[in-house]
Amino acid sequence: MKYLVQIDFKSDGPFGEEKFKEKEDLAKSINNEPGVIWKIWTENAETKESGGVYLFESKETAQKFLEMHSARLKSYGFDNIRAKIFEVHEKLSLINKAPITVCQKKHSQKND
């Protein structure tokens, strides 16, 4: 079973291209975290919010990542972190074209 982690927090930025330049190395490093299948980065400059949605191989890897990443965000000065872990209902998600099996195949090939 796959698990989704949703994280968001108040942020004064950066956003857009400036954020890309600042966070590119972090984005690459997230690919090496145990259990991570993919991440979607989220931001809203108008409401000053940042975050992400992650897909994990297991509840255990999702929980470990969430603990580590929450501590990292706090070390950056973010203190209003909202986070949740959800089980993914794969059959229903696939009806709506969720990239679960496509990413799973790519992820397993990467680790072979």
N, C-alpha and C. Protein backbone atom coordinates (compact mmCIF):
# COMPACT_ATOMS: atom_id res chain seq x y z
N MET A 1 0.84 -1.18 0.00
CA MET A 1 0.00 0.00 0.00
C MET A 1 0.89 1.24 0.00
N LYS A 2 0.47 2.25 -0.75
CA LYS A 2 1.20 3.52 -0.82
C LYS A 2 0.61 4.50 0.19
N TYR A 3 1.44 5.45 0.60
CA TYR A 3 1.02 6.47 1.56
C TYR A 3 1.38 7.85 1.03
N LEU A 4 0.46 8.77 1.22
CA LEU A 4 0.63 10.14 0.79
C LEU A 4 0.89 11.02 2.01
N VAL A 5 1.86 11.90 1.89
CA VAL A 5 2.16 12.87 2.94
C VAL A 5 1.87 14.26 2.37
N GLN A 6 1.10 15.03 3.11
CA GLN A 6 0.77 16.39 2.73
C GLN A 6 1.36 17.32 3.78
N ILE A 7 2.17 18.29 3.34
CA ILE A 7 2.80 19.24 4.25
C ILE A 7 2.57 20.64 3.71
N ASP A 8 2.20 21.57 4.58
CA ASP A 8 2.18 22.97 4.18
C ASP A 8 2.50 23.84 5.39
N PHE A 9 2.97 25.06 5.09
CA PHE A 9 3.39 25.98 6.13
C PHE A 9 3.42 27.39 5.56
N LYS A 10 3.32 28.38 6.44
CA LYS A 10 3.43 29.78 6.04
C LYS A 10 4.87 30.07 5.64
N SER A 11 5.02 30.85 4.57
CA SER A 11 6.36 31.14 4.07
C SER A 11 6.36 32.50 3.37
N ASP A 12 7.40 33.27 3.61
CA ASP A 12 7.58 34.54 2.91
C ASP A 12 8.34 34.36 1.61
N GLY A 13 8.56 33.11 1.23
CA GLY A 13 9.25 32.84 -0.03
C GLY A 13 10.63 32.29 0.23
N PRO A 14 11.35 32.11 -0.82
CA PRO A 14 11.09 32.55 -2.19
C PRO A 14 10.04 31.69 -2.88
N PHE A 15 9.57 32.21 -4.03
CA PHE A 15 8.61 31.50 -4.86
C PHE A 15 9.10 31.51 -6.30
N GLY A 16 8.48 30.68 -7.12
CA GLY A 16 8.77 30.67 -8.54
C GLY A 16 10.21 30.31 -8.87
N GLU A 17 10.78 31.03 -9.83
CA GLU A 17 12.13 30.75 -10.31
C GLU A 17 13.18 30.92 -9.21
N GLU A 18 12.99 31.91 -8.36
CA GLU A 18 13.93 32.12 -7.24
C GLU A 18 13.94 30.90 -6.32
N LYS A 19 12.77 30.34 -6.07
CA LYS A 19 12.68 29.13 -5.24
C LYS A 19 13.39 27.97 -5.93
N PHE A 20 13.19 27.84 -7.25
CA PHE A 20 13.85 26.77 -7.99
C PHE A 20 15.36 26.86 -7.81
N LYS A 21 15.91 28.03 -7.99
CA LYS A 21 17.36 28.20 -7.86
C LYS A 21 17.84 27.85 -6.46
N GLU A 22 17.07 28.22 -5.45
CA GLU A 22 17.46 27.99 -4.06
C GLU A 22 17.26 26.54 -3.62
N LYS A 23 16.25 25.86 -4.15
CA LYS A 23 15.86 24.54 -3.64
C LYS A 23 16.17 23.38 -4.58
N GLU A 24 16.82 23.63 -5.71
CA GLU A 24 17.08 22.56 -6.67
C GLU A 24 17.87 21.41 -6.04
N ASP A 25 18.91 21.71 -5.29
CA ASP A 25 19.70 20.64 -4.66
C ASP A 25 18.88 19.86 -3.64
N LEU A 26 18.05 20.57 -2.88
CA LEU A 26 17.18 19.89 -1.92
C LEU A 26 16.22 18.95 -2.66
N ALA A 27 15.65 19.44 -3.76
CA ALA A 27 14.73 18.60 -4.55
C ALA A 27 15.43 17.33 -5.01
N LYS A 28 16.64 17.45 -5.48
CA LYS A 28 17.39 16.28 -5.94
C LYS A 28 17.66 15.32 -4.79
N SER A 29 17.98 15.86 -3.62
CA SER A 29 18.29 15.00 -2.47
C SER A 29 17.07 14.23 -1.98
N ILE A 30 15.89 14.80 -2.14
CA ILE A 30 14.67 14.12 -1.70
C ILE A 30 14.48 12.82 -2.46
N ASN A 31 14.95 12.76 -3.71
CA ASN A 31 14.85 11.52 -4.49
C ASN A 31 15.62 10.37 -3.85
N ASN A 32 16.58 10.67 -2.99
CA ASN A 32 17.39 9.64 -2.35
C ASN A 32 16.88 9.23 -0.97
N GLU A 33 15.80 9.85 -0.52
CA GLU A 33 15.25 9.51 0.79
C GLU A 33 14.56 8.14 0.70
N PRO A 34 14.74 7.30 1.69
CA PRO A 34 14.11 5.97 1.67
C PRO A 34 12.60 6.05 1.51
N GLY A 35 12.09 5.29 0.55
CA GLY A 35 10.65 5.16 0.37
C GLY A 35 9.98 6.20 -0.49
N VAL A 36 10.68 7.29 -0.83
CA VAL A 36 10.06 8.34 -1.64
C VAL A 36 9.88 7.84 -3.07
N ILE A 37 8.65 7.96 -3.57
CA ILE A 37 8.36 7.63 -4.97
C ILE A 37 8.35 8.91 -5.79
N TRP A 38 7.65 9.94 -5.30
CA TRP A 38 7.66 11.24 -5.96
C TRP A 38 7.22 12.33 -4.99
N LYS A 39 7.47 13.57 -5.40
CA LYS A 39 7.03 14.75 -4.65
C LYS A 39 6.49 15.77 -5.63
N ILE A 40 5.41 16.41 -5.26
CA ILE A 40 4.90 17.58 -5.96
C ILE A 40 5.10 18.77 -5.04
N TRP A 41 5.85 19.76 -5.50
CA TRP A 41 6.10 20.97 -4.72
C TRP A 41 4.90 21.90 -4.88
N THR A 42 4.45 22.51 -3.77
CA THR A 42 3.32 23.42 -3.82
C THR A 42 3.73 24.78 -3.28
N GLU A 43 3.11 25.83 -3.84
CA GLU A 43 3.36 27.18 -3.34
C GLU A 43 2.20 28.08 -3.73
N ASN A 44 2.00 29.11 -2.93
CA ASN A 44 1.01 30.13 -3.21
C ASN A 44 1.58 31.44 -2.68
N ALA A 45 2.14 32.23 -3.58
CA ALA A 45 2.77 33.49 -3.17
C ALA A 45 1.76 34.47 -2.59
N GLU A 46 0.51 34.44 -3.09
CA GLU A 46 -0.51 35.36 -2.60
C GLU A 46 -0.85 35.11 -1.13
N THR A 47 -0.96 33.85 -0.75
CA THR A 47 -1.30 33.53 0.64
C THR A 47 -0.06 33.22 1.48
N LYS A 48 1.11 33.31 0.83
CA LYS A 48 2.40 33.06 1.49
C LYS A 48 2.44 31.67 2.13
N GLU A 49 2.23 30.66 1.28
CA GLU A 49 2.27 29.28 1.73
C GLU A 49 3.15 28.45 0.81
N SER A 50 3.82 27.49 1.39
CA SER A 50 4.64 26.53 0.65
C SER A 50 4.36 25.15 1.20
N GLY A 51 4.82 24.15 0.47
CA GLY A 51 4.65 22.79 0.97
C GLY A 51 4.89 21.77 -0.11
N GLY A 52 4.30 20.59 0.10
CA GLY A 52 4.46 19.54 -0.88
C GLY A 52 3.55 18.37 -0.58
N VAL A 53 3.39 17.56 -1.61
CA VAL A 53 2.64 16.32 -1.51
C VAL A 53 3.60 15.23 -1.98
N TYR A 54 3.76 14.18 -1.16
CA TYR A 54 4.73 13.12 -1.41
C TYR A 54 4.02 11.78 -1.46
N LEU A 55 4.55 10.89 -2.28
CA LEU A 55 4.06 9.51 -2.30
C LEU A 55 5.18 8.61 -1.80
N PHE A 56 4.84 7.73 -0.84
CA PHE A 56 5.81 6.83 -0.22
C PHE A 56 5.43 5.38 -0.41
N GLU A 57 6.41 4.52 -0.34
CA GLU A 57 6.22 3.08 -0.48
C GLU A 57 5.53 2.45 0.72
N SER A 58 5.70 3.05 1.91
CA SER A 58 5.13 2.45 3.12
C SER A 58 4.82 3.52 4.16
N LYS A 59 4.00 3.15 5.12
CA LYS A 59 3.67 4.06 6.22
C LYS A 59 4.92 4.38 7.04
N GLU A 60 5.76 3.38 7.22
CA GLU A 60 6.98 3.58 8.03
C GLU A 60 7.91 4.60 7.38
N THR A 61 8.13 4.49 6.07
CA THR A 61 9.04 5.45 5.42
C THR A 61 8.40 6.84 5.38
N ALA A 62 7.08 6.90 5.22
CA ALA A 62 6.39 8.19 5.25
C ALA A 62 6.55 8.86 6.61
N GLN A 63 6.36 8.10 7.68
CA GLN A 63 6.47 8.65 9.04
C GLN A 63 7.89 9.11 9.35
N LYS A 64 8.88 8.30 8.99
CA LYS A 64 10.28 8.68 9.24
C LYS A 64 10.65 9.94 8.48
N PHE A 65 10.22 10.03 7.21
CA PHE A 65 10.51 11.22 6.43
C PHE A 65 9.83 12.44 7.04
N LEU A 66 8.57 12.29 7.42
CA LEU A 66 7.83 13.41 8.00
C LEU A 66 8.51 13.93 9.26
N GLU A 67 8.98 13.06 10.11
CA GLU A 67 9.69 13.49 11.32
C GLU A 67 10.97 14.23 10.97
N MET A 68 11.75 13.67 10.04
CA MET A 68 13.01 14.30 9.64
C MET A 68 12.75 15.65 8.97
N HIS A 69 11.79 15.70 8.04
CA HIS A 69 11.53 16.92 7.28
C HIS A 69 10.93 18.01 8.16
N SER A 70 10.08 17.63 9.10
CA SER A 70 9.52 18.62 10.04
C SER A 70 10.63 19.26 10.86
N ALA A 71 11.58 18.47 11.30
CA ALA A 71 12.72 19.01 12.04
C ALA A 71 13.55 19.94 11.15
N ARG A 72 13.74 19.56 9.89
CA ARG A 72 14.49 20.40 8.95
C ARG A 72 13.77 21.72 8.75
N LEU A 73 12.44 21.68 8.56
CA LEU A 73 11.68 22.92 8.36
C LEU A 73 11.77 23.82 9.60
N LYS A 74 11.69 23.22 10.77
CA LYS A 74 11.83 24.01 12.00
C LYS A 74 13.21 24.65 12.10
N SER A 75 14.24 23.94 11.64
CA SER A 75 15.59 24.50 11.66
C SER A 75 15.72 25.67 10.69
N TYR A 76 14.86 25.72 9.67
CA TYR A 76 14.83 26.85 8.73
C TYR A 76 14.02 28.02 9.27
N GLY A 77 13.37 27.83 10.44
CA GLY A 77 12.60 28.89 11.05
C GLY A 77 11.09 28.80 10.83
N PHE A 78 10.62 27.74 10.20
CA PHE A 78 9.18 27.57 10.00
C PHE A 78 8.60 26.88 11.23
N ASP A 79 7.55 27.45 11.81
CA ASP A 79 7.01 26.86 13.04
C ASP A 79 5.53 26.49 12.93
N ASN A 80 4.86 26.90 11.88
CA ASN A 80 3.45 26.59 11.73
C ASN A 80 3.28 25.51 10.66
N ILE A 81 3.84 24.34 10.92
CA ILE A 81 3.86 23.24 9.94
C ILE A 81 2.62 22.38 10.15
N ARG A 82 1.87 22.19 9.06
CA ARG A 82 0.72 21.29 9.09
C ARG A 82 1.08 20.09 8.23
N ALA A 83 0.86 18.90 8.77
CA ALA A 83 1.22 17.69 8.03
C ALA A 83 0.25 16.56 8.35
N LYS A 84 -0.01 15.76 7.32
CA LYS A 84 -0.90 14.61 7.47
C LYS A 84 -0.36 13.46 6.62
N ILE A 85 -0.65 12.24 7.08
CA ILE A 85 -0.33 11.04 6.32
C ILE A 85 -1.65 10.35 5.99
N PHE A 86 -1.80 9.97 4.72
CA PHE A 86 -3.01 9.30 4.27
C PHE A 86 -2.65 7.99 3.57
N GLU A 87 -3.47 6.97 3.73
CA GLU A 87 -3.37 5.78 2.89
C GLU A 87 -3.92 6.15 1.52
N VAL A 88 -3.31 5.61 0.47
CA VAL A 88 -3.79 5.87 -0.88
C VAL A 88 -4.70 4.73 -1.31
N HIS A 89 -5.90 5.06 -1.72
CA HIS A 89 -6.80 4.05 -2.28
C HIS A 89 -6.44 3.93 -3.75
N GLU A 90 -5.59 2.94 -4.05
CA GLU A 90 -5.00 2.84 -5.37
C GLU A 90 -6.03 2.57 -6.46
N LYS A 91 -7.00 1.68 -6.24
CA LYS A 91 -7.97 1.35 -7.30
C LYS A 91 -8.77 2.58 -7.72
N LEU A 92 -9.28 3.33 -6.75
CA LEU A 92 -10.03 4.53 -7.09
C LEU A 92 -9.13 5.60 -7.69
N SER A 93 -7.93 5.74 -7.16
CA SER A 93 -6.99 6.75 -7.68
C SER A 93 -6.62 6.48 -9.13
N LEU A 94 -6.45 5.21 -9.47
CA LEU A 94 -6.10 4.86 -10.85
C LEU A 94 -7.22 5.21 -11.83
N ILE A 95 -8.47 5.14 -11.39
CA ILE A 95 -9.59 5.56 -12.24
C ILE A 95 -9.42 7.02 -12.64
N ASN A 96 -8.87 7.81 -11.72
CA ASN A 96 -8.68 9.24 -11.96
C ASN A 96 -7.27 9.58 -12.45
N LYS A 97 -6.58 8.58 -13.01
CA LYS A 97 -5.29 8.75 -13.69
C LYS A 97 -4.14 9.13 -12.74
N ALA A 98 -4.25 8.75 -11.49
CA ALA A 98 -3.15 9.01 -10.56
C ALA A 98 -1.90 8.26 -11.04
N PRO A 99 -0.74 8.87 -10.99
CA PRO A 99 0.48 8.25 -11.53
C PRO A 99 1.12 7.23 -10.58
N ILE A 100 0.31 6.38 -10.00
CA ILE A 100 0.82 5.44 -9.00
C ILE A 100 1.61 4.31 -9.65
N THR A 101 1.03 3.61 -10.60
CA THR A 101 1.74 2.46 -11.18
C THR A 101 2.85 2.90 -12.11
N VAL A 102 2.65 3.98 -12.85
CA VAL A 102 3.70 4.48 -13.75
C VAL A 102 4.93 4.86 -12.95
N CYS A 103 4.73 5.62 -11.89
CA CYS A 103 5.85 6.04 -11.05
C CYS A 103 6.45 4.85 -10.31
N GLN A 104 5.62 3.92 -9.91
CA GLN A 104 6.12 2.74 -9.20
C GLN A 104 7.07 1.96 -10.10
N LYS A 105 6.72 1.79 -11.36
CA LYS A 105 7.58 1.06 -12.30
C LYS A 105 8.89 1.80 -12.51
N LYS A 106 8.82 3.12 -12.69
CA LYS A 106 10.04 3.91 -12.88
C LYS A 106 10.91 3.86 -11.63
N HIS A 107 10.27 3.95 -10.45
CA HIS A 107 11.00 3.95 -9.20
C HIS A 107 11.71 2.59 -8.99
N SER A 108 11.01 1.50 -9.29
CA SER A 108 11.63 0.19 -9.09
C SER A 108 12.75 -0.04 -10.10
N GLN A 109 12.62 0.48 -11.32
CA GLN A 109 13.68 0.36 -12.31
C GLN A 109 14.91 1.16 -11.88
N LYS A 110 14.68 2.34 -11.28
CA LYS A 110 15.78 3.18 -10.81
C LYS A 110 16.59 2.47 -9.74
N ASN A 111 15.91 1.67 -8.91
CA ASN A 111 16.59 1.01 -7.80
C ASN A 111 17.17 -0.36 -8.17
N ASP A 112 16.95 -0.82 -9.40
CA ASP A 112 17.49 -2.12 -9.83
C ASP A 112 18.96 -2.03 -10.14
